[in-house]
Amino acid sequence: MTDLALGRRNFLRCCSALAILGSIRAYSSPGELSEQDKHALLRMARLLYPHQQLSDEVYETALQFSSTNTKNPSTIEALERGAEMLDVAVQGNWLAADRDAQFDALKSIDESEFFVTVQEAVRTQLYGNPAVWELIGYPGPSAPLGYIDRGFDDIDWLTKD
């Protein structure tokens, strides 16, 4: 399937596949995401916000796997369904798919509530963390000092008239 547009036929296929997958889904334990779902969300976060210098632990913290938010059964179910959507989009195991297929799968669900929720959660948790700023080279907000006093005034290509 090369066309990932979500027409009526593809929507019905996805819904059918999700219903089948949902009926045979094995849970690691009540109130927890399975390891496979955690790895899928971690891979999704890395694809959305790629930083080689950041460890998996930083992304896991941004995803808040151990927070009370992921102890809510409805939240866990939504995250599991989202991980299943990724598998359906690649017609197999999303984690085993190549990078291009993973990107295509993400593009096919980029307007879903699952995608938007994960994207916003990772973005705010990742880029709102001052420890991450140091790792990615962001000097922090300009409010107290301004950027001119932080080395951003070294534009040698601009003539001084």
Foldseek 3Di string as FASTA:
>chain_A
DPDLACDPVNVVLLVVQLVVCVVVPDQPDQQAHDPLLLVLLLVVLCVLPPDPLDDSVLQCVLQPRPDVQSSDRVSNVLSVSVCSQLCVQLVHHNVPDDPVSSVSSCVSCCPPPNNVVSSVSSVCSQVVDPVNCVRRVNPDDQPPPHCCVVPPVPPPVDDDD
